[in-house]
Amino acid sequence: MTPPDHYFSSDPNSEYAIKIIRTISRNRPYEFLTAPGVFSANKVDTGTSVLLKKVSIPEQGKILDLGCGIGVVGIVISNEQHNLKTHFIDINSRATELTLKNIKKYKLRNTSVFTGDYMKVLEENKFLYDAIYFNPPIRLGKKTYLPHIRKAAEFLTTGGVMQIVIKKKLGAESAYNSLYADLDEEKYTMKILGKNSGYWVFEIRKLE
């Protein structure tokens, strides 16, 4: 029997049946192509919506939608601030294929999409980002996603920020406390940006 797909599967086996989902984000209407076997397969999740309400957006530079799914966060931000160079990374090949379709739909330029393990892609390319946005794969557990957060923060520019959303019931407070306890205060600061709809959004800023 074929095991069920997860959005963090690298190559989903479920039927590739594309459909459209709709949402309003940052006061603009959006339509995204999605399909089974990816994150936001049926709707834009609440965590993503909350993150997009709270994010700070640089006026220029390079940003990363980490674990991008179908590309919602990076596309909404890029559509608002056209001067940015936006990168998207996801392990799920179907998700990145849909991200490319959604980028084309909104005629966005200065974008790059990468498929593969988050950390391997970051290590191989050595890009530095002015902002990284991350709705982590909570179902993989803290032993997996907390190291992802710590490592990804190393790929920030000086003054760059990583903004993360986690559901309170799925461990937002303990995740925040764990990250804060391990923080190198000579290199980073950390704060809570907001709490909304049962989610926490917090930020890690690189000082040097």
C-alpha atoms as a PDB file:
ATOM      1  CA  MET A   1       0.000   0.000   0.000  1.00  0.00           C
ATOM      2  CA  THR A   2       1.380   3.428  -0.951  1.00  0.00           C
ATOM      3  CA  PRO A   3       1.932   5.617   2.130  1.00  0.00           C
ATOM      4  CA  PRO A   4       0.021   8.916   2.220  1.00  0.00           C
ATOM      5  CA  ASP A   5       1.702  12.014   0.854  1.00  0.00           C
ATOM      6  CA  HIS A   6       2.892  14.767   3.150  1.00  0.00           C
ATOM      7  CA  TYR A   7       3.679  18.299   2.043  1.00  0.00           C
ATOM      8  CA  PHE A   8       7.273  17.577   3.032  1.00  0.00           C
ATOM      9  CA  SER A   9       7.457  14.564   0.688  1.00  0.00           C
ATOM     10  CA  SER A  10      10.055  15.150  -2.003  1.00  0.00           C
ATOM     11  CA  ASP A  11       8.017  13.508  -4.780  1.00  0.00           C
ATOM     12  CA  PRO A  12       4.283  13.153  -4.012  1.00  0.00           C
ATOM     13  CA  ASN A  13       2.438  10.124  -5.358  1.00  0.00           C
ATOM     14  CA  SER A  14      -1.090  11.538  -5.173  1.00  0.00           C
ATOM     15  CA  GLU A  15      -2.994  12.559  -8.287  1.00  0.00           C
ATOM     16  CA  TYR A  16      -1.642  15.786  -9.760  1.00  0.00           C
ATOM     17  CA  ALA A  17      -5.005  17.515 -10.044  1.00  0.00           C
ATOM     18  CA  ILE A  18      -4.437  21.270 -10.227  1.00  0.00           C
ATOM     19  CA  LYS A  19      -7.062  23.622  -8.859  1.00  0.00           C
ATOM     20  CA  ILE A  20      -7.320  27.288  -7.906  1.00  0.00           C
ATOM     21  CA  ILE A  21      -7.543  28.643  -4.368  1.00  0.00           C
ATOM     22  CA  ARG A  22      -8.341  32.255  -3.561  1.00  0.00           C
ATOM     23  CA  THR A  23      -7.390  34.536  -0.716  1.00  0.00           C
ATOM     24  CA  ILE A  24      -6.986  38.185   0.225  1.00  0.00           C
ATOM     25  CA  SER A  25      -3.572  39.149   1.575  1.00  0.00           C
ATOM     26  CA  ARG A  26      -2.255  42.588   2.449  1.00  0.00           C
ATOM     27  CA  ASN A  27      -5.438  44.106   1.019  1.00  0.00           C
ATOM     28  CA  ARG A  28      -5.082  42.480  -2.389  1.00  0.00           C
ATOM     29  CA  PRO A  29      -6.951  39.502  -3.891  1.00  0.00           C
ATOM     30  CA  TYR A  30      -4.899  36.510  -5.023  1.00  0.00           C
ATOM     31  CA  GLU A  31      -5.447  33.257  -6.868  1.00  0.00           C
ATOM     32  CA  PHE A  32      -2.951  30.426  -6.599  1.00  0.00           C
ATOM     33  CA  LEU A  33      -2.640  27.120  -8.409  1.00  0.00           C
ATOM     34  CA  THR A  34      -2.363  24.198  -6.020  1.00  0.00           C
ATOM     35  CA  ALA A  35      -2.776  20.396  -5.968  1.00  0.00           C
ATOM     36  CA  PRO A  36      -2.860  17.426  -3.581  1.00  0.00           C
ATOM     37  CA  GLY A  37       0.418  16.521  -1.894  1.00  0.00           C
ATOM     38  CA  VAL A  38       1.594  20.097  -1.228  1.00  0.00           C
ATOM     39  CA  PHE A  39       1.237  22.616   1.585  1.00  0.00           C
ATOM     40  CA  SER A  40      -1.909  24.744   1.113  1.00  0.00           C
ATOM     41  CA  ALA A  41      -3.489  22.024  -1.010  1.00  0.00           C
ATOM     42  CA  ASN A  42      -7.015  23.259  -0.243  1.00  0.00           C
ATOM     43  CA  LYS A  43      -6.609  26.807   1.042  1.00  0.00           C
ATOM     44  CA  VAL A  44      -3.973  29.264   2.205  1.00  0.00           C
ATOM     45  CA  ASP A  45      -3.357  28.194   5.788  1.00  0.00           C
ATOM     46  CA  THR A  46      -3.971  30.534   8.714  1.00  0.00           C
ATOM     47  CA  GLY A  47      -0.299  30.592   9.740  1.00  0.00           C
ATOM     48  CA  THR A  48       0.745  31.908   6.342  1.00  0.00           C
ATOM     49  CA  SER A  49      -1.978  34.551   6.475  1.00  0.00           C
ATOM     50  CA  VAL A  50      -0.882  35.672   9.941  1.00  0.00           C
ATOM     51  CA  LEU A  51       2.771  35.792   8.886  1.00  0.00           C
ATOM     52  CA  LEU A  52       1.916  37.999   5.913  1.00  0.00           C
ATOM     53  CA  LYS A  53       0.045  40.405   8.200  1.00  0.00           C
ATOM     54  CA  LYS A  54       3.049  40.813  10.483  1.00  0.00           C
ATOM     55  CA  VAL A  55       6.055  40.739   8.126  1.00  0.00           C
ATOM     56  CA  SER A  56       8.428  43.583   7.557  1.00  0.00           C
ATOM     57  CA  ILE A  57       9.444  43.921   3.921  1.00  0.00           C
ATOM     58  CA  PRO A  58      12.764  45.415   2.807  1.00  0.00           C
ATOM     59  CA  GLU A  59      12.631  47.988   0.031  1.00  0.00           C
ATOM     60  CA  GLN A  60      15.391  46.263  -1.896  1.00  0.00           C
ATOM     61  CA  GLY A  61      17.787  43.344  -1.663  1.00  0.00           C
ATOM     62  CA  LYS A  62      17.277  39.589  -1.625  1.00  0.00           C
ATOM     63  CA  ILE A  63      14.623  37.636   0.267  1.00  0.00           C
ATOM     64  CA  LEU A  64      13.875  33.945   0.753  1.00  0.00           C
ATOM     65  CA  ASP A  65      10.571  32.101   1.071  1.00  0.00           C
ATOM     66  CA  LEU A  66      11.913  29.044   2.917  1.00  0.00           C
ATOM     67  CA  GLY A  67       9.740  25.939   2.655  1.00  0.00           C
ATOM     68  CA  CYS A  68       7.735  27.891   0.112  1.00  0.00           C
ATOM     69  CA  GLY A  69       4.995  25.381  -0.705  1.00  0.00           C
ATOM     70  CA  ILE A  70       3.169  26.880  -3.692  1.00  0.00           C
ATOM     71  CA  GLY A  71       4.969  30.200  -3.219  1.00  0.00           C
ATOM     72  CA  VAL A  72       2.325  32.251  -1.417  1.00  0.00           C
ATOM     73  CA  VAL A  73       4.564  34.270   0.922  1.00  0.00           C
ATOM     74  CA  GLY A  74       7.253  35.128  -1.606  1.00  0.00           C
ATOM     75  CA  ILE A  75       4.746  35.967  -4.330  1.00  0.00           C
ATOM     76  CA  VAL A  76       2.639  38.272  -2.133  1.00  0.00           C
ATOM     77  CA  ILE A  77       5.753  40.104  -0.930  1.00  0.00           C
ATOM     78  CA  SER A  78       7.293  40.330  -4.416  1.00  0.00           C
ATOM     79  CA  ASN A  79       4.040  41.584  -5.864  1.00  0.00           C
ATOM     80  CA  GLU A  80       4.084  44.385  -3.301  1.00  0.00           C
ATOM     81  CA  GLN A  81       7.781  45.252  -3.579  1.00  0.00           C
ATOM     82  CA  HIS A  82       9.021  44.773  -7.140  1.00  0.00           C
ATOM     83  CA  ASN A  83      12.626  45.795  -6.416  1.00  0.00           C
ATOM     84  CA  LEU A  84      13.345  42.607  -4.494  1.00  0.00           C
ATOM     85  CA  LYS A  85      15.147  39.512  -5.720  1.00  0.00           C
ATOM     86  CA  THR A  86      13.102  36.630  -4.370  1.00  0.00           C
ATOM     87  CA  HIS A  87      14.214  33.035  -3.875  1.00  0.00           C
ATOM     88  CA  PHE A  88      11.952  30.094  -3.118  1.00  0.00           C
ATOM     89  CA  ILE A  89      13.074  26.751  -1.638  1.00  0.00           C
ATOM     90  CA  ASP A  90      11.037  23.598  -1.022  1.00  0.00           C
ATOM     91  CA  ILE A  91      11.886  19.905  -0.843  1.00  0.00           C
ATOM     92  CA  ASN A  92       8.632  19.014  -2.614  1.00  0.00           C
ATOM     93  CA  SER A  93       9.070  18.922  -6.403  1.00  0.00           C
ATOM     94  CA  ARG A  94       5.364  19.356  -7.047  1.00  0.00           C
ATOM     95  CA  ALA A  95       5.287  22.418  -4.800  1.00  0.00           C
ATOM     96  CA  THR A  96       8.161  24.102  -6.614  1.00  0.00           C
ATOM     97  CA  GLU A  97       6.600  23.309  -9.985  1.00  0.00           C
ATOM     98  CA  LEU A  98       3.403  25.011  -8.811  1.00  0.00           C
ATOM     99  CA  THR A  99       5.443  27.908  -7.436  1.00  0.00           C
ATOM    100  CA  LEU A 100       6.888  28.453 -10.911  1.00  0.00           C
ATOM    101  CA  LYS A 101       3.381  28.437 -12.402  1.00  0.00           C
ATOM    102  CA  ASN A 102       2.178  30.945  -9.806  1.00  0.00           C
ATOM    103  CA  ILE A 103       5.181  33.211 -10.383  1.00  0.00           C
ATOM    104  CA  LYS A 104       4.395  33.172 -14.101  1.00  0.00           C
ATOM    105  CA  LYS A 105       0.743  33.949 -13.374  1.00  0.00           C
ATOM    106  CA  TYR A 106       1.754  37.152 -11.589  1.00  0.00           C
ATOM    107  CA  LYS A 107       4.478  37.987 -14.128  1.00  0.00           C
ATOM    108  CA  LEU A 108       7.106  38.392 -11.431  1.00  0.00           C
ATOM    109  CA  ARG A 109      10.745  38.931 -12.346  1.00  0.00           C
ATOM    110  CA  ASN A 110      13.951  38.534 -10.346  1.00  0.00           C
ATOM    111  CA  THR A 111      12.877  35.172  -8.929  1.00  0.00           C
ATOM    112  CA  SER A 112      14.672  31.853  -8.521  1.00  0.00           C
ATOM    113  CA  VAL A 113      13.132  28.559  -7.398  1.00  0.00           C
ATOM    114  CA  PHE A 114      15.161  25.716  -5.851  1.00  0.00           C
ATOM    115  CA  THR A 115      14.041  22.149  -5.164  1.00  0.00           C
ATOM    116  CA  GLY A 116      15.761  20.118  -2.451  1.00  0.00           C
ATOM    117  CA  ASP A 117      16.632  19.852   1.207  1.00  0.00           C
ATOM    118  CA  TYR A 118      16.530  23.356   2.688  1.00  0.00           C
ATOM    119  CA  MET A 119      19.920  23.269   4.320  1.00  0.00           C
ATOM    120  CA  LYS A 120      21.684  21.612   1.399  1.00  0.00           C
ATOM    121  CA  VAL A 121      20.380  24.245  -1.003  1.00  0.00           C
ATOM    122  CA  LEU A 122      21.507  27.044   1.322  1.00  0.00           C
ATOM    123  CA  GLU A 123      24.941  25.495   1.854  1.00  0.00           C
ATOM    124  CA  GLU A 124      25.489  24.850  -1.849  1.00  0.00           C
ATOM    125  CA  ASN A 125      24.530  28.345  -3.015  1.00  0.00           C
ATOM    126  CA  LYS A 126      25.890  30.481  -0.155  1.00  0.00           C
ATOM    127  CA  PHE A 127      23.426  33.286  -0.816  1.00  0.00           C
ATOM    128  CA  LEU A 128      22.833  35.851   1.929  1.00  0.00           C
ATOM    129  CA  TYR A 129      19.359  37.292   2.454  1.00  0.00           C
ATOM    130  CA  ASP A 130      17.978  40.554   3.762  1.00  0.00           C
ATOM    131  CA  ALA A 131      14.879  38.697   4.911  1.00  0.00           C
ATOM    132  CA  ILE A 132      13.913  35.036   5.296  1.00  0.00           C
ATOM    133  CA  TYR A 133      10.286  34.022   5.861  1.00  0.00           C
ATOM    134  CA  PHE A 134       9.545  30.598   7.322  1.00  0.00           C
ATOM    135  CA  ASN A 135       6.403  28.671   8.234  1.00  0.00           C
ATOM    136  CA  PRO A 136       8.273  25.567   9.437  1.00  0.00           C
ATOM    137  CA  PRO A 137       7.162  21.947   8.932  1.00  0.00           C
ATOM    138  CA  ILE A 138       5.974  21.476  12.512  1.00  0.00           C
ATOM    139  CA  ARG A 139       4.923  17.859  11.928  1.00  0.00           C
ATOM    140  CA  LEU A 140       8.591  16.911  11.524  1.00  0.00           C
ATOM    141  CA  GLY A 141       9.176  17.846  15.165  1.00  0.00           C
ATOM    142  CA  LYS A 142      11.380  20.330  17.022  1.00  0.00           C
ATOM    143  CA  LYS A 143      14.500  18.192  16.606  1.00  0.00           C
ATOM    144  CA  THR A 144      14.237  18.858  12.876  1.00  0.00           C
ATOM    145  CA  TYR A 145      12.781  22.326  12.428  1.00  0.00           C
ATOM    146  CA  LEU A 146      14.616  24.151  15.245  1.00  0.00           C
ATOM    147  CA  PRO A 147      18.042  23.313  13.749  1.00  0.00           C
ATOM    148  CA  HIS A 148      16.662  24.499  10.386  1.00  0.00           C
ATOM    149  CA  ILE A 149      15.833  27.871  11.934  1.00  0.00           C
ATOM    150  CA  ARG A 150      19.214  28.199  13.651  1.00  0.00           C
ATOM    151  CA  LYS A 151      21.119  27.282  10.504  1.00  0.00           C
ATOM    152  CA  ALA A 152      19.046  29.421   8.139  1.00  0.00           C
ATOM    153  CA  ALA A 153      19.686  32.493  10.309  1.00  0.00           C
ATOM    154  CA  GLU A 154      23.372  32.171   9.416  1.00  0.00           C
ATOM    155  CA  PHE A 155      22.424  33.080   5.830  1.00  0.00           C
ATOM    156  CA  LEU A 156      21.177  36.556   6.747  1.00  0.00           C
ATOM    157  CA  THR A 157      22.972  39.722   5.781  1.00  0.00           C
ATOM    158  CA  THR A 158      24.079  42.063   8.554  1.00  0.00           C
ATOM    159  CA  GLY A 159      20.843  43.630   9.761  1.00  0.00           C
ATOM    160  CA  GLY A 160      18.806  40.971   7.974  1.00  0.00           C
ATOM    161  CA  VAL A 161      15.787  39.353   9.626  1.00  0.00           C
ATOM    162  CA  MET A 162      14.255  35.900   9.733  1.00  0.00           C
ATOM    163  CA  GLN A 163      10.540  35.952  10.495  1.00  0.00           C
ATOM    164  CA  ILE A 164       8.862  32.747  11.632  1.00  0.00           C
ATOM    165  CA  VAL A 165       5.270  31.717  12.336  1.00  0.00           C
ATOM    166  CA  ILE A 166       4.289  28.820  14.618  1.00  0.00           C
ATOM    167  CA  LYS A 167       0.911  27.819  16.033  1.00  0.00           C
ATOM    168  CA  LYS A 168       0.628  28.232  19.796  1.00  0.00           C
ATOM    169  CA  LYS A 169      -0.993  24.815  20.254  1.00  0.00           C
ATOM    170  CA  LEU A 170       1.854  23.221  18.298  1.00  0.00           C
ATOM    171  CA  GLY A 171       4.603  24.621  20.508  1.00  0.00           C
ATOM    172  CA  ALA A 172       5.214  28.255  19.581  1.00  0.00           C
ATOM    173  CA  GLU A 173       6.171  29.278  23.103  1.00  0.00           C
ATOM    174  CA  SER A 174       8.551  26.388  23.730  1.00  0.00           C
ATOM    175  CA  ALA A 175      10.113  26.850  20.283  1.00  0.00           C
ATOM    176  CA  TYR A 176      10.660  30.541  20.957  1.00  0.00           C
ATOM    177  CA  ASN A 177      12.157  29.832  24.385  1.00  0.00           C
ATOM    178  CA  SER A 178      14.474  27.136  23.003  1.00  0.00           C
ATOM    179  CA  LEU A 179      15.740  29.402  20.254  1.00  0.00           C
ATOM    180  CA  TYR A 180      16.153  32.333  22.648  1.00  0.00           C
ATOM    181  CA  ALA A 181      18.067  30.207  25.164  1.00  0.00           C
ATOM    182  CA  ASP A 182      20.586  29.206  22.482  1.00  0.00           C
ATOM    183  CA  LEU A 183      20.878  32.675  20.935  1.00  0.00           C
ATOM    184  CA  ASP A 184      24.340  34.124  20.464  1.00  0.00           C
ATOM    185  CA  GLU A 185      23.528  37.631  21.701  1.00  0.00           C
ATOM    186  CA  GLU A 186      26.674  39.055  20.139  1.00  0.00           C
ATOM    187  CA  LYS A 187      25.404  38.037  16.695  1.00  0.00           C
ATOM    188  CA  TYR A 188      21.603  38.035  16.943  1.00  0.00           C
ATOM    189  CA  THR A 189      18.595  39.618  18.614  1.00  0.00           C
ATOM    190  CA  MET A 190      15.174  38.015  18.893  1.00  0.00           C
ATOM    191  CA  LYS A 191      11.689  39.316  19.613  1.00  0.00           C
ATOM    192  CA  ILE A 192       8.004  38.483  19.242  1.00  0.00           C
ATOM    193  CA  LEU A 193       6.375  40.490  16.435  1.00  0.00           C
ATOM    194  CA  GLY A 194       2.819  39.566  17.253  1.00  0.00           C
ATOM    195  CA  LYS A 195       0.242  36.969  18.225  1.00  0.00           C
ATOM    196  CA  ASN A 196      -2.901  36.443  16.177  1.00  0.00           C
ATOM    197  CA  SER A 197      -5.488  33.712  15.546  1.00  0.00           C
ATOM    198  CA  GLY A 198      -3.600  31.269  17.760  1.00  0.00           C
ATOM    199  CA  TYR A 199      -0.228  31.846  16.070  1.00  0.00           C
ATOM    200  CA  TRP A 200       2.990  33.512  17.168  1.00  0.00           C
ATOM    201  CA  VAL A 201       5.208  35.437  14.763  1.00  0.00           C
ATOM    202  CA  PHE A 202       8.746  36.118  15.921  1.00  0.00           C
ATOM    203  CA  GLU A 203      11.904  37.553  14.442  1.00  0.00           C
ATOM    204  CA  ILE A 204      15.610  36.813  14.574  1.00  0.00           C
ATOM    205  CA  ARG A 205      17.820  39.710  13.474  1.00  0.00           C
ATOM    206  CA  LYS A 206      21.483  39.284  12.567  1.00  0.00           C
ATOM    207  CA  LEU A 207      23.772  41.918  14.042  1.00  0.00           C
ATOM    208  CA  GLU A 208      27.050  40.995  12.360  1.00  0.00           C
END
